[in-house]
Amino acid sequence: MVPALPLPSATEGTPVPGLLVVRTHYGDDAAWNDVRSRLGDLPGAYPPGPDPVSEAEAAILEKNPKHLVVVDDPAWEGAGPDQVRSALGGAGTWSPNLILIADAQTMADARLRPLLALPVSEDGGRDERPSFRLGPRGAAMTHLLLQVLVETLARYETFSCLGPDPVAGAALELSARPPRYEAPSPGLDLLPRTEDALIVRTDYTDDDAWESLVAAVRAPVPDGSFHEKEEDAEFFHAYVDVLDDPRYAGASTEQLLSLVPRDYEHAFLMVADAEALGDPRLPLLVVDLADDPGLSFRAAPGAIQAIENNLSVSNMDFSDFYTDEGCIQYWEGAEGITEEQRKL
């Protein structure tokens, strides 16, 4: 018989989002340590560790409360999804948004470490939606964004997945620079709720580059279809707001994700970081907040108009614009761009 899960108490008002991770395979400690390393030091650990919660983490949790319950107890060895699900739903206890099980398949796949993901119904009861596999780095980015993904988790059966791997978040697992969260400074506020998609400036070493980037993004771009027909060209614009606040200097992408407020209306975020402003091509970082949380690509300013216009109204998906790591998305704004030029 499995023991009770160490779940926090339920709170009044808006439910606290979070993940439950349960280890059910104990044949390989090194593999489990790899899973834990990929998850990283995420906010909201419950029960809290022996050390006090840092001021930085406490500040983030006050703005965006969440729970991360990790169960590493040999009594759960061999337990199946139904056993884990049946341990939920106790009176007065918290219910996660997603259950993640580290089973034999997780431990056997050193490349992706795919966790078995089980959707949870709003009342914490049995959910009939199918399970799926989610990489631990994808799970970490999902956790950081849970405050805005609650409805997405309830609406979709699985996360979308790029590439041939049947594991959501596979691209993050295979990234040359995998994401890892570290708590930002306590002085940072949540990102503002803006009417238009947001560009956050995190590098303050070159004001001229920043001004050039903003001007290039806001510049009108001709509609290629009219140009091809030899008709008078029509132009379209990127509708963006900018956050130019030195307090965010040096903030990582993962730190910005933890600062996305609840009920955020935009499905993506743009970041003008040191890599964007240090390159004459000014390749903005575009980050997915919905389909593949935390996945990102670089885009030239002339491509932002097409990206923003289409993603903002769900006319196209993030995957339609995604380009491989180490490349820049130019879309159709620049003809004659070679593959070599596209590379960062």
Protein backbone atom coordinates (compact mmCIF):
# COMPACT_ATOMS: atom_id res chain seq x y z
CA MET A 1 0.00 0.00 0.00
CA VAL A 2 1.40 3.40 -0.97
CA PRO A 3 1.73 6.13 1.67
CA ALA A 4 -0.13 9.42 1.67
CA LEU A 5 1.26 12.11 -0.59
CA PRO A 6 2.92 15.04 1.23
CA LEU A 7 0.52 17.64 -0.16
CA PRO A 8 0.05 21.17 1.17
CA SER A 9 -3.28 22.32 2.47
CA ALA A 10 -5.81 23.84 0.11
CA THR A 11 -6.14 27.60 0.19
CA GLU A 12 -9.20 29.79 -0.03
CA GLY A 13 -9.82 31.82 -3.15
CA THR A 14 -7.89 31.22 -6.36
CA PRO A 15 -6.25 27.76 -6.28
CA VAL A 16 -2.46 27.71 -6.16
CA PRO A 17 -1.11 26.12 -9.36
CA GLY A 18 1.73 23.62 -9.33
CA LEU A 19 3.23 20.27 -10.27
CA LEU A 20 3.45 16.93 -8.47
CA VAL A 21 6.50 14.82 -9.40
CA VAL A 22 6.57 11.21 -8.17
CA ARG A 23 9.51 8.84 -8.56
CA THR A 24 8.32 5.27 -9.08
CA HIS A 25 11.51 3.59 -10.38
CA TYR A 26 14.48 3.00 -8.10
CA GLY A 27 16.89 1.04 -10.24
CA ASP A 28 19.11 3.97 -11.26
CA ASP A 29 19.96 6.81 -8.86
CA ALA A 30 22.18 8.53 -11.44
CA ALA A 31 19.26 8.77 -13.85
CA TRP A 32 17.02 10.23 -11.15
CA ASN A 33 19.70 12.77 -10.25
CA ASP A 34 19.81 13.74 -13.93
CA VAL A 35 16.04 14.31 -13.91
CA ARG A 36 16.30 16.46 -10.79
CA SER A 37 19.18 18.44 -12.29
CA ARG A 38 17.17 19.18 -15.43
CA LEU A 39 14.22 20.36 -13.38
CA GLY A 40 16.52 22.79 -11.58
CA ASP A 41 15.88 24.83 -8.45
CA LEU A 42 12.32 25.84 -9.18
CA PRO A 43 10.28 28.11 -6.90
CA GLY A 44 7.60 26.79 -4.57
CA ALA A 45 9.22 23.58 -3.29
CA TYR A 46 6.97 21.76 -0.80
CA PRO A 47 7.75 20.68 1.81
CA PRO A 48 10.36 23.43 2.08
CA GLY A 49 13.95 22.33 2.39
CA PRO A 50 16.09 22.66 5.52
CA ASP A 51 17.29 26.12 4.51
CA PRO A 52 15.01 29.16 4.70
CA VAL A 53 13.40 30.31 1.47
CA SER A 54 15.56 33.03 -0.05
CA GLU A 55 14.32 36.59 -0.14
CA ALA A 56 14.33 36.48 -3.94
CA GLU A 57 12.22 33.31 -4.12
CA ALA A 58 9.83 34.54 -1.45
CA ALA A 59 9.28 37.73 -3.42
CA ILE A 60 8.45 35.79 -6.59
CA LEU A 61 6.15 33.38 -4.76
CA GLU A 62 4.28 36.27 -3.19
CA LYS A 63 3.59 37.65 -6.68
CA ASN A 64 3.01 34.31 -8.40
CA PRO A 65 2.31 31.61 -5.77
CA LYS A 66 2.80 27.97 -6.81
CA HIS A 67 3.71 24.58 -5.38
CA LEU A 68 6.26 22.01 -6.53
CA VAL A 69 5.87 18.70 -4.69
CA VAL A 70 8.59 16.11 -5.41
CA VAL A 71 8.04 12.63 -3.91
CA ASP A 72 11.18 10.51 -3.64
CA ASP A 73 10.05 7.65 -1.39
CA PRO A 74 10.85 3.95 -2.14
CA ALA A 75 7.37 3.09 -0.87
CA TRP A 76 6.13 4.40 -4.24
CA GLU A 77 8.34 2.01 -6.24
CA GLY A 78 6.38 0.37 -9.05
CA ALA A 79 3.26 2.45 -8.47
CA GLY A 80 1.15 3.11 -11.53
CA PRO A 81 -0.78 6.18 -12.67
CA ASP A 82 -4.03 5.03 -11.07
CA GLN A 83 -2.36 4.64 -7.68
CA VAL A 84 -0.89 8.13 -7.86
CA ARG A 85 -4.20 9.61 -8.99
CA SER A 86 -6.12 7.84 -6.24
CA ALA A 87 -3.86 9.43 -3.60
CA LEU A 88 -5.12 12.88 -4.63
CA GLY A 89 -8.33 14.59 -3.66
CA GLY A 90 -8.20 14.34 0.09
CA ALA A 91 -10.44 16.81 1.88
CA GLY A 92 -8.73 20.14 2.39
CA THR A 93 -5.61 19.24 0.42
CA TRP A 94 -4.06 20.96 -2.56
CA SER A 95 -4.44 19.46 -6.04
CA PRO A 96 -1.74 19.83 -8.73
CA ASN A 97 -2.41 20.92 -12.30
CA LEU A 98 -0.24 18.12 -13.65
CA ILE A 99 1.20 14.88 -12.25
CA LEU A 100 4.63 13.85 -13.54
CA ILE A 101 5.86 10.29 -12.94
CA ALA A 102 9.52 9.34 -13.21
CA ASP A 103 9.13 5.69 -14.21
CA ALA A 104 11.30 3.04 -15.88
CA GLN A 105 10.93 4.70 -19.31
CA THR A 106 12.13 7.99 -17.85
CA MET A 107 15.24 6.39 -16.42
CA ALA A 108 16.00 4.35 -19.56
CA ASP A 109 16.06 7.33 -21.95
CA ALA A 110 19.19 9.33 -21.12
CA ARG A 111 18.58 11.63 -24.09
CA LEU A 112 15.15 13.01 -23.20
CA ARG A 113 14.29 11.66 -19.69
CA PRO A 114 10.57 11.68 -20.63
CA LEU A 115 8.29 11.96 -17.61
CA LEU A 116 4.82 10.44 -17.79
CA ALA A 117 2.43 13.41 -17.56
CA LEU A 118 -1.10 12.93 -16.22
CA PRO A 119 -3.65 15.75 -16.56
CA VAL A 120 -5.68 16.46 -13.42
CA SER A 121 -9.29 17.60 -13.44
CA GLU A 122 -10.21 20.92 -11.86
CA ASP A 123 -11.63 19.21 -8.76
CA GLY A 124 -8.60 16.96 -8.39
CA GLY A 125 -10.52 13.85 -9.44
CA ARG A 126 -9.90 11.40 -12.22
CA ASP A 127 -9.25 13.00 -15.59
CA GLU A 128 -10.12 11.07 -18.74
CA ARG A 129 -7.72 12.97 -20.98
CA PRO A 130 -4.82 10.81 -22.19
CA SER A 131 -1.40 10.87 -20.62
CA PHE A 132 1.64 12.05 -22.57
CA ARG A 133 5.40 12.35 -22.17
CA LEU A 134 7.04 15.60 -21.14
CA GLY A 135 10.76 16.27 -20.76
CA PRO A 136 11.91 17.60 -17.35
CA ARG A 137 13.19 20.87 -18.81
CA GLY A 138 9.86 21.37 -20.52
CA ALA A 139 8.21 20.57 -17.19
CA ALA A 140 10.37 23.20 -15.48
CA MET A 141 9.35 25.90 -17.97
CA THR A 142 5.72 24.79 -17.62
CA HIS A 143 6.01 25.21 -13.87
CA LEU A 144 7.38 28.74 -14.21
CA LEU A 145 4.40 29.65 -16.41
CA LEU A 146 1.67 27.71 -14.63
CA GLN A 147 -0.06 30.88 -13.53
CA VAL A 148 -0.90 31.56 -17.20
CA LEU A 149 -1.12 27.94 -18.39
CA VAL A 150 -3.90 26.76 -16.06
CA GLU A 151 -6.56 27.17 -18.75
CA THR A 152 -4.27 25.75 -21.43
CA LEU A 153 -3.65 22.61 -19.39
CA ALA A 154 -7.38 22.19 -18.94
CA ARG A 155 -8.13 22.76 -22.63
CA TYR A 156 -5.49 20.73 -24.45
CA GLU A 157 -4.94 17.00 -24.25
CA THR A 158 -1.20 17.32 -24.81
CA PHE A 159 1.37 19.97 -25.42
CA SER A 160 2.43 20.43 -29.02
CA CYS A 161 5.78 18.92 -29.88
CA LEU A 162 8.29 19.98 -32.55
CA GLY A 163 10.34 17.42 -34.39
CA PRO A 164 10.07 13.64 -34.63
CA ASP A 165 10.31 12.89 -30.91
CA PRO A 166 6.96 11.96 -29.31
CA VAL A 167 7.95 13.93 -26.21
CA ALA A 168 6.68 17.43 -25.49
CA GLY A 169 9.55 19.80 -24.74
CA ALA A 170 12.04 17.62 -26.64
CA ALA A 171 13.70 20.67 -28.20
CA LEU A 172 14.52 22.02 -24.73
CA GLU A 173 16.08 18.71 -23.69
CA LEU A 174 18.33 18.71 -26.75
CA SER A 175 19.24 22.39 -26.67
CA ALA A 176 22.90 23.36 -26.77
CA ARG A 177 22.03 25.92 -24.07
CA PRO A 178 19.30 24.24 -22.03
CA PRO A 179 17.17 26.53 -19.84
CA ARG A 180 17.78 26.70 -16.12
CA TYR A 181 16.01 28.87 -13.61
CA GLU A 182 17.68 30.93 -10.91
CA ALA A 183 15.64 33.31 -8.78
CA PRO A 184 15.87 36.94 -9.93
CA SER A 185 16.53 39.84 -7.58
CA PRO A 186 13.67 40.62 -5.20
CA GLY A 187 13.21 44.13 -6.62
CA LEU A 188 11.74 43.01 -9.93
CA ASP A 189 8.03 43.49 -10.53
CA LEU A 190 5.75 41.25 -12.55
CA LEU A 191 5.80 42.05 -16.24
CA PRO A 192 3.15 44.63 -17.12
CA ARG A 193 -0.12 43.65 -18.76
CA THR A 194 0.10 45.50 -22.05
CA GLU A 195 -2.30 45.98 -24.91
CA ASP A 196 0.26 44.79 -27.45
CA ALA A 197 2.93 42.08 -27.37
CA LEU A 198 5.88 43.03 -25.17
CA ILE A 199 9.59 43.48 -25.86
CA VAL A 200 11.65 43.38 -22.65
CA ARG A 201 15.08 44.99 -22.70
CA THR A 202 17.59 43.14 -20.51
CA ASP A 203 20.88 44.52 -21.89
CA TYR A 204 21.98 48.11 -21.21
CA THR A 205 25.44 48.23 -22.78
CA ASP A 206 24.44 49.91 -26.07
CA ASP A 207 21.64 52.49 -26.21
CA ASP A 208 22.14 53.07 -29.92
CA ALA A 209 21.62 49.39 -30.69
CA TRP A 210 18.45 49.36 -28.59
CA GLU A 211 17.03 52.42 -30.35
CA SER A 212 17.90 50.93 -33.74
CA LEU A 213 16.18 47.66 -32.83
CA VAL A 214 12.96 49.35 -31.69
CA ALA A 215 12.91 51.57 -34.79
CA ALA A 216 13.44 48.57 -37.07
CA VAL A 217 10.68 46.56 -35.40
CA ARG A 218 8.23 49.46 -35.69
CA ALA A 219 9.15 50.28 -39.29
CA PRO A 220 6.42 49.44 -41.86
CA VAL A 221 7.06 46.34 -43.95
CA PRO A 222 5.68 46.03 -47.49
CA ASP A 223 3.20 43.27 -48.19
CA GLY A 224 5.08 41.02 -50.62
CA SER A 225 1.93 39.78 -52.33
CA PHE A 226 1.14 43.28 -53.63
CA HIS A 227 4.74 43.81 -54.69
CA GLU A 228 4.72 40.61 -56.74
CA LYS A 229 1.57 41.70 -58.58
CA GLU A 230 3.18 45.05 -59.47
CA GLU A 231 0.42 46.86 -57.64
CA ASP A 232 0.85 49.68 -55.18
CA ALA A 233 2.50 48.18 -52.13
CA GLU A 234 0.58 47.98 -48.88
CA PHE A 235 2.41 48.01 -45.58
CA PHE A 236 1.87 46.35 -42.26
CA HIS A 237 3.26 47.13 -38.83
CA ALA A 238 4.26 45.28 -35.68
CA TYR A 239 2.08 46.26 -32.75
CA VAL A 240 4.42 46.10 -29.77
CA ASP A 241 4.98 47.68 -26.39
CA VAL A 242 8.44 47.93 -24.83
CA LEU A 243 9.67 47.54 -21.27
CA ASP A 244 12.81 49.65 -20.92
CA ASP A 245 13.61 49.44 -17.21
CA PRO A 246 17.22 49.03 -15.94
CA ARG A 247 15.97 46.90 -13.06
CA TYR A 248 15.63 44.06 -15.58
CA ALA A 249 19.26 44.35 -16.71
CA GLY A 250 20.78 40.87 -16.93
CA ALA A 251 17.53 39.03 -16.26
CA SER A 252 17.48 35.59 -17.89
CA THR A 253 14.66 34.30 -20.04
CA GLU A 254 13.66 31.86 -17.29
CA GLN A 255 13.53 34.66 -14.73
CA LEU A 256 11.25 36.66 -17.03
CA LEU A 257 8.95 33.65 -17.36
CA SER A 258 8.56 33.52 -13.59
CA LEU A 259 7.44 37.17 -13.72
CA VAL A 260 4.68 36.73 -16.30
CA PRO A 261 1.51 37.65 -14.40
CA ARG A 262 -1.62 35.56 -14.05
CA ASP A 263 -4.16 36.05 -16.86
CA TYR A 264 -1.45 37.38 -19.20
CA GLU A 265 -3.06 37.90 -22.61
CA HIS A 266 -0.11 37.34 -24.95
CA ALA A 267 1.09 33.91 -26.08
CA PHE A 268 4.69 34.98 -26.61
CA LEU A 269 7.33 37.34 -25.25
CA MET A 270 10.20 39.12 -27.00
CA VAL A 271 13.53 39.77 -25.29
CA ALA A 272 16.23 42.25 -26.31
CA ASP A 273 19.14 40.62 -24.52
CA ALA A 274 22.91 40.94 -24.85
CA GLU A 275 22.96 38.56 -27.83
CA ALA A 276 20.29 40.59 -29.64
CA LEU A 277 21.89 43.98 -29.05
CA GLY A 278 25.45 42.79 -29.54
CA ASP A 279 24.81 41.53 -33.09
CA PRO A 280 24.46 44.05 -35.96
CA ARG A 281 21.52 42.00 -37.24
CA LEU A 282 19.70 42.67 -33.92
CA PRO A 283 18.15 39.19 -33.61
CA LEU A 284 15.38 39.44 -31.00
CA LEU A 285 14.61 36.39 -28.87
CA VAL A 286 10.98 35.26 -29.29
CA VAL A 287 9.74 32.99 -26.47
CA ASP A 288 6.66 30.76 -26.51
CA LEU A 289 4.36 31.13 -23.51
CA ALA A 290 1.67 28.69 -24.59
CA ASP A 291 2.23 25.72 -26.90
CA ASP A 292 5.81 24.75 -26.00
CA PRO A 293 6.47 26.84 -22.87
CA GLY A 294 9.98 28.29 -22.87
CA LEU A 295 10.86 27.31 -26.43
CA SER A 296 12.48 30.20 -28.30
CA PHE A 297 14.09 31.32 -31.53
CA ARG A 298 15.89 34.39 -32.88
CA ALA A 299 14.20 36.71 -35.36
CA ALA A 300 15.45 39.71 -37.34
CA PRO A 301 13.49 42.94 -36.73
CA GLY A 302 11.97 42.78 -40.21
CA ALA A 303 10.34 39.44 -39.38
CA ILE A 304 8.67 40.66 -36.18
CA GLN A 305 5.79 42.26 -38.09
CA ALA A 306 4.71 38.91 -39.56
CA ILE A 307 5.35 37.07 -36.29
CA GLU A 308 3.43 39.54 -34.12
CA ASN A 309 0.54 40.04 -36.53
CA ASN A 310 -0.07 36.31 -36.91
CA LEU A 311 0.63 35.03 -33.40
CA SER A 312 -1.38 37.78 -31.74
CA VAL A 313 -4.57 36.71 -33.51
CA SER A 314 -3.76 32.96 -33.58
CA ASN A 315 -3.66 33.02 -37.35
CA MET A 316 -0.47 30.92 -37.22
CA ASP A 317 1.28 28.85 -34.58
CA PHE A 318 4.63 29.36 -32.88
CA SER A 319 5.90 26.29 -34.74
CA ASP A 320 5.23 28.02 -38.08
CA PHE A 321 7.95 30.56 -37.27
CA TYR A 322 10.31 28.44 -35.18
CA THR A 323 13.81 28.12 -36.60
CA ASP A 324 16.62 25.89 -35.47
CA GLU A 325 18.88 26.94 -32.63
CA GLY A 326 21.78 29.00 -33.93
CA CYS A 327 19.79 30.48 -36.82
CA ILE A 328 17.83 33.68 -37.36
CA GLN A 329 14.27 33.81 -38.66
CA TYR A 330 14.02 36.37 -41.47
CA TRP A 331 10.60 35.21 -42.72
CA GLU A 332 9.88 36.85 -46.11
CA GLY A 333 11.09 40.32 -45.22
CA ALA A 334 14.52 39.95 -46.84
CA GLU A 335 15.14 38.32 -50.20
CA GLY A 336 18.43 36.74 -51.10
CA ILE A 337 19.40 35.80 -47.54
CA THR A 338 21.75 32.84 -47.60
CA GLU A 339 21.78 30.02 -45.08
CA GLU A 340 25.19 31.21 -43.91
CA GLN A 341 23.81 34.68 -43.21
CA ARG A 342 20.96 33.19 -41.22
CA LYS A 343 23.35 31.58 -38.77
CA LEU A 344 24.16 33.42 -35.57
